[in-house]
């Protein structure tokens, strides 16, 4: 049915490639490209069946990207590279008039800033080019936004309170590791907290607000209020929201390591001169930490991510909880990747499928909650991420 170019050969790219290869009726031709072609070749070999073509490309280089896109002529480009590279890939898609999908908002490399403004600025450009850009189609952002849209469509007249809850109750057996690119992960979880309440953003110190929350099949886990990018688009697209927050679990050992890393300056993104060479501490840290893509083999436990929502239906207050639990071991057995990569990669594949099937249509730049959630969630459940709904339950928040 469609040709797709995947850019990025980390854990998420591995999952996207595996899942697309398993759906040949939709993804008839697949190319996986990265700065390191050998990574792509290894993934293609693991999948087998000559399902995946591979190529080398520097995602920071627009002319290289344009040349590859023109040569391969995909129907859609799926960007699972670094968030720093979103804009160069979008520029290449504009120049070649090719649809675009990613899983995380653009971040400047030299500033820990998480917002959609840079990508939303492309709306008119994509509209004038007659093409589609789909932003944030992982799990969070991504499925959490689609869960919210599904709830608003089917279960509420007005959504008033939204709490996105993200628990990783897995154990990878390492003293300290991050579940995706350490450079991105550490920047994200060490920033100030932020949430929406009564029409304005409220700021908090990092990890200042926390409380234990119960997660299905897992139990109570200390959960910390942090800022996550989907809140920015959700409060725009669901203006009845009085409050919107994001919670993530961290173990005490993880937080202790994180505090030490920060205190000794290893989380810094400011270059320093070391023996005549400029290095960025957090990039050096990334080089010595375990590769997130290698964590899957011995990873036990599961993730639990969902939305806890309160609002009005037929004039009455209603509570609702929609979530998915994902086993790290099951994810590894299917794709060779751990659960965090799996829960990001599967939605990216499903989003690309929605586009190729014509179920998600539009010209311009869109966040995922702006599309019909129903066919996406139906397919998500079929592709390995089933979801569960609880009505009129205690949200604990």
Protein backbone atom coordinates (compact mmCIF):
# COMPACT_ATOMS: atom_id res chain seq x y z
CA UNK A 1 0.00 0.00 0.00
CA UNK A 2 2.65 2.53 1.01
CA UNK A 3 6.34 3.37 1.08
CA UNK A 4 7.80 4.61 4.35
CA UNK A 5 11.17 6.02 5.35
CA UNK A 6 12.10 5.57 9.04
CA UNK A 7 14.87 7.89 10.27
CA UNK A 8 16.55 6.71 13.48
CA UNK A 9 17.88 3.26 14.41
CA UNK A 10 17.75 3.30 18.21
CA UNK A 11 15.34 1.32 20.38
CA UNK A 12 12.24 3.07 19.04
CA UNK A 13 13.39 2.76 15.42
CA UNK A 14 13.94 -0.96 16.04
CA UNK A 15 10.33 -1.38 17.18
CA UNK A 16 8.90 0.72 14.35
CA UNK A 17 10.81 -1.34 11.78
CA UNK A 18 9.72 -4.67 13.31
CA UNK A 19 6.07 -3.67 13.51
CA UNK A 20 5.94 -2.20 10.00
CA UNK A 21 7.59 -5.31 8.58
CA UNK A 22 4.89 -7.39 10.27
CA UNK A 23 2.17 -5.42 8.43
CA UNK A 24 3.09 -5.79 4.74
CA UNK A 25 -0.47 -5.10 3.58
CA UNK A 26 0.01 -1.49 4.70
CA UNK A 27 3.79 -1.03 4.58
CA UNK A 28 4.78 -2.56 1.28
CA UNK A 29 8.21 -0.89 1.15
CA UNK A 30 10.29 0.14 4.16
CA UNK A 31 13.63 1.93 4.39
CA UNK A 32 15.49 2.45 7.66
CA UNK A 33 18.10 5.22 7.67
CA UNK A 34 20.54 6.50 10.28
CA UNK A 35 23.88 8.22 10.60
CA UNK A 36 25.30 4.75 11.37
CA UNK A 37 24.19 2.42 8.58
CA UNK A 38 25.53 -0.67 10.39
CA UNK A 39 22.83 -0.21 13.05
CA UNK A 40 20.18 -0.23 10.33
CA UNK A 41 21.72 -3.31 8.71
CA UNK A 42 21.67 -5.19 12.03
CA UNK A 43 17.98 -4.39 12.55
CA UNK A 44 17.14 -5.38 8.97
CA UNK A 45 19.03 -8.67 9.37
CA UNK A 46 17.21 -9.45 12.63
CA UNK A 47 13.85 -8.89 10.95
CA UNK A 48 14.84 -10.90 7.87
CA UNK A 49 12.83 -11.62 4.75
CA UNK A 50 14.44 -8.73 2.87
CA UNK A 51 11.67 -6.54 4.27
CA UNK A 52 13.89 -3.58 5.18
CA UNK A 53 16.15 -1.52 2.93
CA UNK A 54 18.81 0.55 4.67
CA UNK A 55 20.67 3.79 4.05
CA UNK A 56 23.03 6.23 5.73
CA UNK A 57 21.84 9.78 6.33
CA UNK A 58 22.84 12.68 8.57
CA UNK A 59 19.56 13.95 9.98
CA UNK A 60 21.17 17.34 10.69
CA UNK A 61 21.87 17.82 6.99
CA UNK A 62 18.88 18.99 4.94
CA UNK A 63 20.46 18.40 1.49
CA UNK A 64 21.34 14.81 2.50
CA UNK A 65 17.81 14.22 3.74
CA UNK A 66 16.31 15.74 0.59
CA UNK A 67 18.50 13.56 -1.63
CA UNK A 68 17.47 10.40 0.21
CA UNK A 69 13.76 11.30 0.17
CA UNK A 70 13.88 12.14 -3.53
CA UNK A 71 15.68 8.89 -4.25
CA UNK A 72 13.39 6.63 -2.21
CA UNK A 73 10.14 8.61 -2.71
CA UNK A 74 8.33 7.55 0.48
CA UNK A 75 4.69 8.38 1.12
CA UNK A 76 5.58 9.35 4.69
CA UNK A 77 8.75 9.97 6.73
CA UNK A 78 8.67 8.63 10.29
CA UNK A 79 11.15 10.56 12.43
CA UNK A 80 12.39 8.62 15.45
CA UNK A 81 15.79 10.34 15.50
CA UNK A 82 16.80 12.94 18.12
CA UNK A 83 14.38 15.78 18.94
CA UNK A 84 17.14 18.23 17.92
CA UNK A 85 16.66 16.99 14.37
CA UNK A 86 12.88 17.52 14.00
CA UNK A 87 13.16 20.80 12.13
CA UNK A 88 15.77 19.68 9.59
CA UNK A 89 13.65 16.62 8.79
CA UNK A 90 10.53 18.80 8.52
CA UNK A 91 12.43 21.14 6.18
CA UNK A 92 13.38 18.17 3.98
CA UNK A 93 9.77 16.97 3.95
CA UNK A 94 8.63 20.44 2.91
CA UNK A 95 11.15 20.62 0.08
CA UNK A 96 10.09 17.20 -1.21
CA UNK A 97 6.37 17.58 -0.38
CA UNK A 98 6.37 14.44 1.77
CA UNK A 99 4.21 13.70 4.83
CA UNK A 100 5.93 13.74 8.22
CA UNK A 101 5.38 12.02 11.60
CA UNK A 102 7.40 12.19 14.84
CA UNK A 103 7.15 11.05 18.46
CA UNK A 104 8.55 14.05 20.40
CA UNK A 105 8.60 17.83 20.10
CA UNK A 106 11.62 19.72 18.79
CA UNK A 107 14.23 20.71 21.36
CA UNK A 108 17.12 23.10 20.76
CA UNK A 109 20.39 21.27 21.44
CA UNK A 110 21.82 24.06 23.59
CA UNK A 111 18.73 24.79 25.69
CA UNK A 112 16.49 22.50 27.75
CA UNK A 113 13.19 23.81 26.43
CA UNK A 114 10.16 21.68 25.66
CA UNK A 115 7.46 23.36 23.60
CA UNK A 116 5.68 23.03 20.27
CA UNK A 117 6.13 26.65 19.14
CA UNK A 118 8.93 25.85 16.67
CA UNK A 119 6.93 23.11 14.97
CA UNK A 120 3.58 24.90 15.12
CA UNK A 121 5.31 27.71 13.20
CA UNK A 122 5.37 25.30 10.22
CA UNK A 123 1.56 25.14 9.97
CA UNK A 124 1.18 27.52 7.05
CA UNK A 125 4.22 26.09 5.26
CA UNK A 126 2.82 22.56 5.36
CA UNK A 127 -0.65 23.81 4.46
CA UNK A 128 0.69 25.72 1.46
CA UNK A 129 2.69 22.67 0.39
CA UNK A 130 -0.46 20.52 0.62
CA UNK A 131 1.10 17.97 3.00
CA UNK A 132 0.54 16.57 6.50
CA UNK A 133 2.73 16.71 9.61
CA UNK A 134 1.69 14.57 12.59
CA UNK A 135 3.39 15.59 15.85
CA UNK A 136 3.98 13.55 18.98
CA UNK A 137 2.76 10.09 17.98
CA UNK A 138 4.50 7.98 20.62
CA UNK A 139 2.85 6.96 23.89
CA UNK A 140 3.37 10.12 25.92
CA UNK A 141 3.04 12.29 23.97
CA UNK A 142 0.80 10.37 21.63
CA UNK A 143 -1.48 7.70 23.04
CA UNK A 144 -2.13 9.77 26.18
CA UNK A 145 -3.46 12.59 23.98
CA UNK A 146 -5.55 10.13 21.97
CA UNK A 147 -6.91 8.61 25.20
CA UNK A 148 -7.98 12.15 26.17
CA UNK A 149 -9.65 12.72 22.80
CA UNK A 150 -11.41 9.34 23.06
CA UNK A 151 -12.71 10.19 26.53
CA UNK A 152 -13.95 13.59 25.36
CA UNK A 153 -15.69 12.03 22.35
CA UNK A 154 -17.38 9.10 24.06
CA UNK A 155 -17.63 9.66 27.81
CA UNK A 156 -17.76 13.36 28.68
CA UNK A 157 -19.60 16.52 27.71
CA UNK A 158 -16.82 18.51 29.39
CA UNK A 159 -13.42 17.42 30.64
CA UNK A 160 -12.36 19.47 33.67
CA UNK A 161 -9.41 17.64 35.27
CA UNK A 162 -6.76 15.58 33.50
CA UNK A 163 -3.91 13.71 35.16
CA UNK A 164 -1.58 11.73 32.91
CA UNK A 165 0.18 9.04 34.94
CA UNK A 166 3.32 7.25 33.75
CA UNK A 167 4.76 4.38 35.77
CA UNK A 168 7.73 2.22 34.84
CA UNK A 169 7.80 -0.62 37.37
CA UNK A 170 10.51 -2.45 35.46
CA UNK A 171 13.94 -3.58 36.63
CA UNK A 172 16.82 -3.65 34.14
CA UNK A 173 19.38 -4.81 36.70
CA UNK A 174 21.69 -1.82 36.22
CA UNK A 175 22.79 0.57 38.98
CA UNK A 176 21.66 3.49 36.81
CA UNK A 177 20.40 3.70 33.25
CA UNK A 178 17.86 5.70 31.26
CA UNK A 179 15.13 4.09 29.17
CA UNK A 180 15.79 6.27 26.13
CA UNK A 181 18.55 8.61 25.00
CA UNK A 182 20.20 9.74 28.28
CA UNK A 183 20.85 13.23 26.97
CA UNK A 184 17.14 13.78 26.31
CA UNK A 185 15.87 11.80 29.29
CA UNK A 186 17.96 13.57 31.94
CA UNK A 187 17.16 17.02 30.53
CA UNK A 188 13.46 16.19 30.65
CA UNK A 189 13.27 14.91 34.21
CA UNK A 190 15.53 17.54 35.81
CA UNK A 191 13.67 20.59 34.48
CA UNK A 192 11.24 22.58 36.61
CA UNK A 193 7.75 21.16 36.96
CA UNK A 194 4.82 22.89 35.29
CA UNK A 195 1.08 22.29 35.17
CA UNK A 196 -2.05 24.04 33.93
CA UNK A 197 -4.62 25.37 36.37
CA UNK A 198 -7.41 27.91 36.02
CA UNK A 199 -6.17 29.33 32.74
CA UNK A 200 -2.47 29.69 33.55
CA UNK A 201 0.74 27.72 33.92
CA UNK A 202 1.98 27.06 37.46
CA UNK A 203 5.71 26.39 37.97
CA UNK A 204 7.24 24.10 40.60
CA UNK A 205 10.77 23.12 41.56
CA UNK A 206 11.94 19.80 40.10
CA UNK A 207 10.20 16.90 41.90
CA UNK A 208 8.72 19.29 44.48
CA UNK A 209 5.22 17.80 44.27
CA UNK A 210 4.88 14.05 44.67
CA UNK A 211 2.57 11.44 46.14
CA UNK A 212 2.04 7.67 46.00
CA UNK A 213 -0.40 6.51 43.34
CA UNK A 214 -1.71 3.00 42.77
CA UNK A 215 -1.06 1.50 39.34
CA UNK A 216 -2.99 -1.52 38.02
CA UNK A 217 -1.19 -4.84 38.51
CA UNK A 218 1.73 -2.94 40.09
CA UNK A 219 0.54 -1.28 43.30
CA UNK A 220 1.58 2.02 44.92
CA UNK A 221 4.52 3.95 43.44
CA UNK A 222 5.77 7.39 44.40
CA UNK A 223 4.78 9.67 41.53
CA UNK A 224 6.31 13.07 40.77
CA UNK A 225 4.71 16.02 39.02
CA UNK A 226 6.83 17.00 36.02
CA UNK A 227 6.16 18.93 32.83
CA UNK A 228 5.47 16.96 29.67
CA UNK A 229 4.93 18.45 26.25
CA UNK A 230 1.46 17.05 25.46
CA UNK A 231 -0.03 19.30 28.14
CA UNK A 232 0.68 22.31 25.92
CA UNK A 233 -1.46 21.08 23.03
CA UNK A 234 -4.14 19.40 25.18
CA UNK A 235 -5.07 22.59 27.04
CA UNK A 236 -5.45 24.34 23.67
CA UNK A 237 -7.53 21.60 22.08
CA UNK A 238 -9.68 20.92 25.16
CA UNK A 239 -10.40 24.43 26.50
CA UNK A 240 -12.81 23.16 29.19
CA UNK A 241 -9.82 21.83 31.14
CA UNK A 242 -9.51 23.53 34.51
CA UNK A 243 -6.37 21.62 35.43
CA UNK A 244 -3.96 19.36 33.54
CA UNK A 245 -0.96 17.62 35.09
CA UNK A 246 1.60 14.93 34.31
CA UNK A 247 3.00 12.46 36.86
CA UNK A 248 5.95 10.08 36.47
CA UNK A 249 7.35 7.48 38.86
CA UNK A 250 11.01 7.43 39.92
CA UNK A 251 12.69 5.06 42.34
CA UNK A 252 14.75 6.51 45.18
CA UNK A 253 17.97 5.01 43.82
CA UNK A 254 17.33 6.63 40.43
CA UNK A 255 16.73 10.02 42.09
CA UNK A 256 19.89 9.66 44.21
CA UNK A 257 22.00 8.97 41.12
CA UNK A 258 20.30 11.85 39.32
CA UNK A 259 21.03 14.24 42.21
CA UNK A 260 24.71 13.24 42.25
CA UNK A 261 24.95 13.64 38.45
CA UNK A 262 23.50 17.14 38.75
CA UNK A 263 25.60 18.12 41.78
CA UNK A 264 28.88 17.23 40.07
CA UNK A 265 27.88 19.04 36.88
CA UNK A 266 27.50 16.00 34.62
CA UNK A 267 23.94 16.97 33.61
CA UNK A 268 25.14 20.30 32.20
CA UNK A 269 24.55 21.14 28.52
CA UNK A 270 27.14 23.95 28.63
CA UNK A 271 30.39 23.08 26.80
CA UNK A 272 33.58 23.01 28.89
CA UNK A 273 37.22 23.05 27.82
CA UNK A 274 38.93 19.77 28.67
CA UNK A 275 42.59 19.51 27.66
CA UNK A 276 42.04 21.88 24.77
CA UNK A 277 38.87 20.22 23.52
CA UNK A 278 35.31 21.47 24.04
CA UNK A 279 33.03 18.78 25.44
CA UNK A 280 29.44 18.84 26.73
CA UNK A 281 29.22 17.00 30.09
CA UNK A 282 25.84 15.39 29.44
CA UNK A 283 27.07 14.08 26.08
CA UNK A 284 30.08 12.52 27.80
CA UNK A 285 27.72 11.02 30.38
CA UNK A 286 25.65 9.51 27.57
CA UNK A 287 28.78 7.80 26.25
CA UNK A 288 29.51 6.03 29.55
CA UNK A 289 25.95 5.08 30.56
CA UNK A 290 24.35 1.81 29.36
CA UNK A 291 22.82 2.02 25.88
CA UNK A 292 19.00 2.08 26.35
CA UNK A 293 18.69 -0.18 23.31
CA UNK A 294 20.64 -2.90 25.10
CA UNK A 295 18.51 -3.04 28.26
CA UNK A 296 15.75 -5.29 26.96
CA UNK A 297 17.20 -8.79 27.41
CA UNK A 298 17.11 -8.86 31.21
CA UNK A 299 14.38 -6.26 31.76
CA UNK A 300 11.57 -7.53 33.99
CA UNK A 301 8.32 -5.93 35.15
CA UNK A 302 5.99 -3.65 33.25
CA UNK A 303 4.97 -0.11 32.44
CA UNK A 304 1.56 1.41 33.19
CA UNK A 305 0.61 4.64 31.43
CA UNK A 306 -2.80 6.25 31.26
CA UNK A 307 -5.13 9.18 31.81
CA UNK A 308 -7.22 9.85 34.90
CA UNK A 309 -10.02 12.23 33.99
CA UNK A 310 -12.82 14.01 35.82
CA UNK A 311 -15.58 16.02 34.18
CA UNK A 312 -19.28 16.24 33.39
CA UNK A 313 -21.59 13.88 31.54
CA UNK A 314 -25.31 14.68 31.30
CA UNK A 315 -24.89 17.26 34.06
CA UNK A 316 -23.33 14.77 36.49
CA UNK A 317 -19.73 14.50 37.68
CA UNK A 318 -17.92 11.49 36.25
CA UNK A 319 -14.49 9.92 36.73
CA UNK A 320 -12.70 7.79 34.17
CA UNK A 321 -9.35 6.02 33.93
CA UNK A 322 -7.98 4.63 30.65
CA UNK A 323 -4.58 2.94 30.59
CA UNK A 324 -2.23 0.38 29.08
CA UNK A 325 0.18 -1.95 30.86
CA UNK A 326 3.11 -3.29 28.83
CA UNK A 327 5.47 -6.11 29.79
CA UNK A 328 9.16 -5.41 29.17
CA UNK A 329 9.86 -9.11 28.60
CA UNK A 330 7.02 -9.55 26.10
CA UNK A 331 8.21 -6.47 24.21
CA UNK A 332 11.75 -7.87 24.08
CA UNK A 333 10.63 -11.29 22.92
CA UNK A 334 8.69 -9.74 20.03
CA UNK A 335 11.05 -6.97 18.89
CA UNK A 336 14.32 -7.19 20.83
CA UNK A 337 13.55 -3.89 22.58
CA UNK A 338 12.37 -3.02 26.11
CA UNK A 339 8.89 -1.79 26.98
CA UNK A 340 9.59 1.95 26.88
CA UNK A 341 10.85 1.67 23.28
CA UNK A 342 7.92 -0.62 22.44
CA UNK A 343 5.26 1.72 23.82
CA UNK A 344 6.76 4.56 21.76
CA UNK A 345 7.40 2.64 18.55
CA UNK A 346 4.08 0.83 18.19
CA UNK A 347 2.00 4.07 18.27
CA UNK A 348 4.35 5.64 15.70
CA UNK A 349 3.72 2.69 13.39
CA UNK A 350 -0.05 2.89 13.98
CA UNK A 351 -0.05 6.64 13.28
CA UNK A 352 1.73 6.06 9.97
CA UNK A 353 -0.83 3.35 9.22
CA UNK A 354 -3.69 5.77 9.93
CA UNK A 355 -2.17 8.20 7.42
CA UNK A 356 -1.55 5.61 4.69
CA UNK A 357 -5.08 4.21 5.05
CA UNK A 358 -6.55 7.70 4.74
CA UNK A 359 -8.10 7.51 8.22
CA UNK A 360 -6.13 10.51 9.44
CA UNK A 361 -6.39 13.29 6.88
CA UNK A 362 -5.48 16.94 6.90
CA UNK A 363 -3.21 19.50 5.33
CA UNK A 364 -0.95 21.32 7.75
CA UNK A 365 0.63 20.50 11.14
CA UNK A 366 -1.42 18.53 13.68
CA UNK A 367 -1.13 17.10 17.15
CA UNK A 368 -2.58 13.62 17.38
CA UNK A 369 -5.63 14.53 19.49
CA UNK A 370 -6.93 16.54 16.53
CA UNK A 371 -7.61 13.32 14.60
CA UNK A 372 -10.31 10.65 15.10
CA UNK A 373 -9.14 8.52 18.05
CA UNK A 374 -11.36 5.50 17.31
CA UNK A 375 -9.54 3.74 14.43
CA UNK A 376 -6.17 4.44 16.07
CA UNK A 377 -7.13 2.86 19.39
CA UNK A 378 -8.77 -0.11 17.65
CA UNK A 379 -5.54 -0.77 15.77
CA UNK A 380 -3.32 -0.09 18.79
CA UNK A 381 -5.01 -2.92 20.70
CA UNK A 382 -4.49 -5.30 17.76
CA UNK A 383 -0.82 -4.36 17.47
CA UNK A 384 0.23 -5.26 21.01
CA UNK A 385 -0.92 -2.39 23.25
CA UNK A 386 -4.41 -3.21 24.56
CA UNK A 387 -6.08 -0.61 26.74
CA UNK A 388 -8.48 -0.83 29.66
CA UNK A 389 -11.20 1.57 30.83
CA UNK A 390 -12.40 2.06 34.41
CA UNK A 391 -15.54 4.15 34.97
CA UNK A 392 -16.53 6.02 38.14
CA UNK A 393 -13.39 4.96 39.97
CA UNK A 394 -11.26 6.65 42.63
CA UNK A 395 -8.64 8.68 40.73
CA UNK A 396 -6.57 9.40 43.89
CA UNK A 397 -5.95 12.93 42.55
